[in-house]
Amino acid sequence: DLSAGDLALFVGYVTTIANLSRWAGRVSTYYRQAEVSVDRLAELSHDRTRPPVVIKTATNLRHGPPPLVHRRAEVEPLEVLSVDRLSAVHDAESGRVVPPVSFEIRAGELVVVSGPVGSGKSMLLRAVLGLVESTGSVYWNGEVIDPATFLVPPRTAYLPQVPRLFSEALADTVLLGMPDDELDQALWTACMESDVASMGDGVDTVVGPRGMRLSGGQAQRTAAARALVRRPQLLIVDDMSSALDVETELMLWQRLRSTYRPAMLMVSHRPAVVEMADTIVELG
């Protein structure tokens, strides 16, 4: 005769055994699905060298971490960036497109994209960077490139209209792990020296989430310093005029052209900035 306890134990064991068989079938199905996915990935990557997933280093449990060694990536100097009949869809609903555009930017030159609101200026910059689908070609020193994989830091820096900053000290927000030997020059070029002097903690001042403790102009210039400290060959700027007064913006570009001298592609509607341009691309 089975007691109530024996019956409950028996039911529990039966349930466990039934679940084991069910899970065995499910795992077998997952294994087959994963096997197909792995085979497909192998077909896509069989010609590519696989970087190491884990880099083994000595374990240090009793002392502080070893000093971080900074290495700047070796980047081929930009002589000329050529854009040949580049076009992109500006408004999918209306079918409007950025008309085919061709231009060249040489090291140290400034190319300004101008035009009325809605003409596709920002979209053109995104097309140059490979961030949207486009037609046409982009050349780096005469060699055709895929902008989406080639025009990336530290080779290229992009300043959007609304910069994204981290809630860290100003110095850490600019450097992001880079050595601080160029911090002062980057902040000076971005016209931040007087702002830093007025901050209670100087470069150690925390900027707050998304830079909320900074004004719009300070956030833009902090983002500019962050880009410059990496010494990009190509600097792409999407209209800083909305957050900076004319005098500060002109001073920033003049300092930039006299120190770092990258090739610059920017959107601007200010006549004073347009007058500084070596080439003007008019849209609309």
Protein backbone atom coordinates (compact mmCIF):
# COMPACT_ATOMS: atom_id res chain seq x y z
CA ASP A 1 0.00 0.00 0.00
CA LEU A 2 1.21 3.48 -0.92
CA SER A 3 1.05 6.24 1.60
CA ALA A 4 0.23 9.78 0.60
CA GLY A 5 3.92 10.69 0.91
CA ASP A 6 5.02 7.79 -1.31
CA LEU A 7 2.46 8.78 -3.93
CA ALA A 8 3.63 12.39 -3.92
CA LEU A 9 7.27 11.26 -4.25
CA PHE A 10 6.36 8.94 -7.12
CA VAL A 11 4.53 11.71 -8.98
CA GLY A 12 7.52 14.01 -8.48
CA TYR A 13 9.95 11.45 -9.91
CA VAL A 14 7.69 10.76 -12.90
CA THR A 15 7.46 14.49 -13.62
CA THR A 16 11.25 14.86 -13.42
CA ILE A 17 11.83 11.95 -15.80
CA ALA A 18 9.24 13.31 -18.23
CA ASN A 19 10.89 16.74 -18.15
CA LEU A 20 14.30 15.20 -18.80
CA SER A 21 13.10 13.53 -21.97
CA ARG A 22 11.39 16.74 -23.09
CA TRP A 23 14.51 18.82 -22.47
CA ALA A 24 16.67 16.26 -24.26
CA GLY A 25 14.54 16.66 -27.36
CA ARG A 26 14.62 20.45 -27.09
CA VAL A 27 18.42 20.54 -26.69
CA SER A 28 18.78 18.28 -29.70
CA THR A 29 16.68 20.70 -31.75
CA TYR A 30 18.69 23.72 -30.54
CA TYR A 31 21.91 21.90 -31.40
CA ARG A 32 20.78 21.28 -34.98
CA GLN A 33 19.73 24.91 -35.37
CA ALA A 34 23.04 26.16 -33.98
CA GLU A 35 24.95 23.79 -36.26
CA VAL A 36 23.28 25.33 -39.32
CA SER A 37 24.06 28.86 -38.10
CA VAL A 38 27.71 27.98 -37.44
CA ASP A 39 28.04 26.49 -40.92
CA ARG A 40 26.64 29.68 -42.47
CA LEU A 41 29.01 31.86 -40.44
CA ALA A 42 31.93 29.67 -41.50
CA GLU A 43 31.02 30.21 -45.15
CA LEU A 44 31.01 33.98 -44.66
CA SER A 45 34.28 34.15 -42.74
CA HIS A 46 36.40 31.37 -44.23
CA ASP A 47 38.60 33.84 -46.16
CA ARG A 48 39.09 36.20 -43.24
CA THR A 49 41.72 36.06 -40.56
CA ARG A 50 40.15 35.68 -37.16
CA PRO A 51 41.43 38.05 -34.46
CA PRO A 52 42.00 36.51 -31.04
CA VAL A 53 38.92 36.64 -28.86
CA VAL A 54 40.92 36.57 -25.62
CA ILE A 55 44.39 38.03 -25.11
CA LYS A 56 46.12 36.30 -22.20
CA THR A 57 48.10 38.47 -19.80
CA ALA A 58 49.79 37.85 -16.48
CA THR A 59 47.42 37.75 -13.51
CA ASN A 60 48.15 40.36 -10.84
CA LEU A 61 46.12 39.87 -7.67
CA ARG A 62 48.34 41.33 -4.93
CA HIS A 63 49.34 44.66 -6.43
CA GLY A 64 47.75 47.44 -8.44
CA PRO A 65 47.20 47.06 -12.19
CA PRO A 66 50.24 47.52 -14.43
CA PRO A 67 50.58 50.88 -16.20
CA LEU A 68 48.47 51.22 -19.32
CA VAL A 69 50.57 51.59 -22.45
CA HIS A 70 48.92 53.86 -25.00
CA ARG A 71 49.57 53.19 -28.65
CA ARG A 72 48.43 55.53 -31.38
CA ALA A 73 47.24 53.74 -34.48
CA GLU A 74 49.34 54.23 -37.57
CA VAL A 75 47.16 56.04 -40.10
CA GLU A 76 48.05 56.73 -43.71
CA PRO A 77 48.21 60.53 -44.08
CA LEU A 78 45.39 61.96 -46.15
CA GLU A 79 46.52 63.79 -49.25
CA VAL A 80 43.17 64.06 -51.01
CA LEU A 81 39.66 62.69 -50.41
CA SER A 82 37.64 62.49 -53.63
CA VAL A 83 33.86 62.14 -53.76
CA ASP A 84 32.52 61.11 -57.17
CA ARG A 85 28.80 61.48 -57.98
CA LEU A 86 27.68 60.59 -54.47
CA SER A 87 23.92 60.51 -53.96
CA ALA A 88 21.56 59.28 -51.25
CA VAL A 89 17.83 59.12 -50.54
CA HIS A 90 16.92 62.20 -48.49
CA ASP A 91 13.22 61.53 -47.88
CA ALA A 92 11.93 58.02 -48.55
CA GLU A 93 8.25 59.04 -48.35
CA SER A 94 8.48 61.82 -50.92
CA GLY A 95 11.21 60.14 -52.95
CA ARG A 96 13.54 63.15 -52.67
CA VAL A 97 17.22 62.39 -53.09
CA VAL A 98 20.46 64.27 -52.63
CA PRO A 99 21.53 64.95 -56.24
CA PRO A 100 24.86 63.44 -57.35
CA VAL A 101 27.69 65.50 -55.85
CA SER A 102 31.41 65.46 -56.69
CA PHE A 103 34.20 67.33 -54.90
CA GLU A 104 37.70 66.96 -53.48
CA ILE A 105 39.20 67.79 -50.08
CA ARG A 106 42.95 68.07 -49.62
CA ALA A 107 44.81 68.02 -46.33
CA GLY A 108 44.31 71.32 -44.51
CA GLU A 109 41.45 72.45 -46.77
CA LEU A 110 37.92 73.40 -45.76
CA VAL A 111 34.90 72.35 -47.82
CA VAL A 112 31.58 73.87 -46.75
CA VAL A 113 28.22 72.33 -47.68
CA SER A 114 25.54 75.00 -47.90
CA GLY A 115 21.90 75.17 -48.93
CA PRO A 116 18.35 75.80 -47.70
CA VAL A 117 16.71 73.84 -44.90
CA GLY A 118 15.70 70.37 -46.07
CA SER A 119 18.11 70.25 -49.01
CA GLY A 120 19.93 67.18 -47.64
CA LYS A 121 23.11 68.70 -46.21
CA SER A 122 23.27 66.40 -43.19
CA MET A 123 22.32 63.44 -45.34
CA LEU A 124 25.26 64.18 -47.65
CA LEU A 125 27.66 64.05 -44.70
CA ARG A 126 26.16 60.75 -43.57
CA ALA A 127 26.51 59.40 -47.10
CA VAL A 128 30.19 60.37 -47.17
CA LEU A 129 30.65 58.48 -43.89
CA GLY A 130 28.80 55.43 -45.22
CA LEU A 131 26.05 55.70 -42.60
CA VAL A 132 23.23 55.55 -45.18
CA GLU A 133 22.73 53.74 -48.45
CA SER A 134 24.16 55.72 -51.33
CA THR A 135 25.43 55.55 -54.88
CA GLY A 136 28.72 56.88 -56.15
CA SER A 137 32.29 56.41 -54.97
CA VAL A 138 34.64 57.79 -52.33
CA TYR A 139 38.43 57.71 -52.81
CA TRP A 140 41.20 58.08 -50.21
CA ASN A 141 44.45 59.14 -51.87
CA GLY A 142 43.16 57.78 -55.16
CA GLU A 143 42.09 54.39 -53.79
CA VAL A 144 38.39 53.55 -53.73
CA ILE A 145 37.18 52.79 -50.19
CA ASP A 146 34.13 51.55 -48.34
CA PRO A 147 33.35 54.60 -46.18
CA ALA A 148 31.41 52.59 -43.60
CA THR A 149 34.50 50.58 -42.62
CA PHE A 150 37.31 52.97 -43.63
CA LEU A 151 36.21 56.42 -42.45
CA VAL A 152 36.28 55.58 -38.75
CA PRO A 153 38.36 56.86 -35.79
CA PRO A 154 41.18 57.70 -35.51
CA ARG A 155 41.30 58.27 -39.27
CA THR A 156 38.08 60.30 -39.25
CA ALA A 157 36.13 62.26 -36.63
CA TYR A 158 32.45 63.24 -36.89
CA LEU A 159 30.81 66.05 -34.92
CA PRO A 160 26.98 65.80 -35.08
CA GLN A 161 24.66 68.69 -34.30
CA VAL A 162 23.89 67.19 -30.87
CA PRO A 163 27.05 65.72 -29.29
CA ARG A 164 26.89 62.73 -26.95
CA LEU A 165 28.98 63.17 -23.81
CA PHE A 166 29.54 60.86 -20.86
CA SER A 167 28.95 61.75 -17.21
CA GLU A 168 32.64 61.91 -16.35
CA ALA A 169 35.20 64.56 -15.55
CA LEU A 170 35.81 66.96 -18.43
CA ALA A 171 39.32 65.57 -18.97
CA ASP A 172 38.07 61.97 -19.07
CA THR A 173 35.23 62.95 -21.41
CA VAL A 174 37.74 64.44 -23.84
CA LEU A 175 40.49 61.83 -23.55
CA LEU A 176 38.44 58.60 -23.29
CA GLY A 177 41.55 56.71 -22.23
CA MET A 178 44.03 58.59 -24.40
CA PRO A 179 47.20 60.06 -22.82
CA ASP A 180 46.79 63.60 -21.53
CA ASP A 181 49.83 65.09 -23.27
CA GLU A 182 47.59 66.81 -25.84
CA LEU A 183 44.68 67.70 -23.57
CA ASP A 184 45.63 71.34 -23.08
CA GLN A 185 46.20 71.94 -26.79
CA ALA A 186 42.91 70.27 -27.74
CA LEU A 187 40.97 72.37 -25.21
CA TRP A 188 42.72 75.56 -26.36
CA THR A 189 41.99 74.80 -30.02
CA ALA A 190 38.33 74.22 -29.10
CA CYS A 191 38.25 77.64 -27.34
CA MET A 192 37.60 76.03 -23.95
CA GLU A 193 40.45 77.60 -21.95
CA SER A 194 38.35 80.38 -20.38
CA ASP A 195 35.48 77.98 -19.65
CA VAL A 196 37.82 75.54 -17.90
CA ALA A 197 39.32 78.38 -15.85
CA SER A 198 35.85 79.36 -14.62
CA MET A 199 34.94 75.82 -13.54
CA GLY A 200 35.43 75.08 -9.85
CA ASP A 201 37.37 71.85 -10.43
CA GLY A 202 38.88 72.76 -13.79
CA VAL A 203 39.34 69.75 -16.06
CA ASP A 204 38.19 67.51 -13.19
CA THR A 205 34.69 69.04 -13.29
CA VAL A 206 32.03 66.38 -13.91
CA VAL A 207 29.99 67.32 -16.98
CA GLY A 208 26.86 65.38 -15.94
CA PRO A 209 24.74 62.91 -17.94
CA ARG A 210 25.02 63.75 -21.64
CA GLY A 211 26.90 66.90 -20.67
CA MET A 212 23.83 68.47 -19.04
CA ARG A 213 25.98 70.63 -16.74
CA LEU A 214 27.51 72.31 -19.78
CA SER A 215 25.89 74.89 -22.01
CA GLY A 216 25.13 73.96 -25.60
CA GLY A 217 28.22 75.75 -26.85
CA GLN A 218 30.45 74.18 -24.19
CA ALA A 219 29.15 70.72 -25.08
CA GLN A 220 29.87 71.31 -28.77
CA ARG A 221 33.39 72.53 -28.06
CA THR A 222 34.04 69.65 -25.65
CA ALA A 223 33.07 67.24 -28.43
CA ALA A 224 35.41 69.11 -30.78
CA ALA A 225 38.29 68.75 -28.30
CA ARG A 226 37.50 65.04 -27.96
CA ALA A 227 37.79 64.65 -31.72
CA LEU A 228 40.98 66.69 -32.01
CA VAL A 229 42.91 64.85 -29.30
CA ARG A 230 42.93 61.83 -31.65
CA ARG A 231 44.43 63.89 -34.49
CA PRO A 232 42.01 62.80 -37.26
CA GLN A 233 43.03 63.15 -40.89
CA LEU A 234 39.45 64.07 -41.84
CA LEU A 235 37.06 66.10 -39.67
CA ILE A 236 33.36 66.12 -40.62
CA VAL A 237 31.15 68.66 -38.83
CA ASP A 238 27.35 68.92 -39.03
CA ASP A 239 26.62 72.62 -38.33
CA MET A 240 27.95 73.95 -35.03
CA SER A 241 26.38 77.36 -35.71
CA SER A 242 23.27 76.68 -33.63
CA ALA A 243 25.24 76.53 -30.37
CA LEU A 244 28.13 78.97 -30.95
CA ASP A 245 28.28 82.69 -31.54
CA VAL A 246 30.01 83.92 -34.68
CA GLU A 247 33.21 85.12 -32.98
CA THR A 248 33.78 81.88 -31.05
CA GLU A 249 33.09 79.70 -34.08
CA LEU A 250 35.47 81.67 -36.30
CA MET A 251 38.18 81.56 -33.62
CA LEU A 252 37.75 77.79 -33.30
CA TRP A 253 38.18 77.18 -37.03
CA GLN A 254 41.13 79.57 -37.25
CA ARG A 255 42.90 77.83 -34.38
CA LEU A 256 42.09 74.44 -35.85
CA ARG A 257 43.51 75.34 -39.25
CA SER A 258 46.69 76.72 -37.69
CA THR A 259 47.41 73.72 -35.42
CA TYR A 260 45.97 70.33 -36.38
CA ARG A 261 45.21 71.18 -40.03
CA PRO A 262 42.94 68.22 -40.91
CA ALA A 263 40.87 68.11 -44.07
CA MET A 264 37.48 69.50 -43.04
CA LEU A 265 34.02 68.91 -44.48
CA MET A 266 31.28 70.84 -42.72
CA VAL A 267 27.73 72.08 -43.00
CA SER A 268 27.32 75.78 -42.27
CA HIS A 269 25.05 78.64 -43.27
CA ARG A 270 27.06 81.48 -41.75
CA PRO A 271 28.56 83.81 -44.36
CA ALA A 272 31.72 84.31 -42.29
CA VAL A 273 32.40 80.56 -42.26
CA VAL A 274 31.53 80.18 -45.94
CA GLU A 275 34.06 82.90 -46.76
CA MET A 276 36.79 80.79 -45.15
CA ALA A 277 36.02 77.80 -47.39
CA ASP A 278 38.38 76.58 -50.07
CA THR A 279 35.43 74.89 -51.81
CA ILE A 280 31.67 75.42 -51.47
CA VAL A 281 29.18 72.65 -52.26
CA GLU A 282 25.75 74.19 -52.83
CA LEU A 283 22.66 71.97 -52.48
CA GLY A 284 19.05 72.68 -53.29
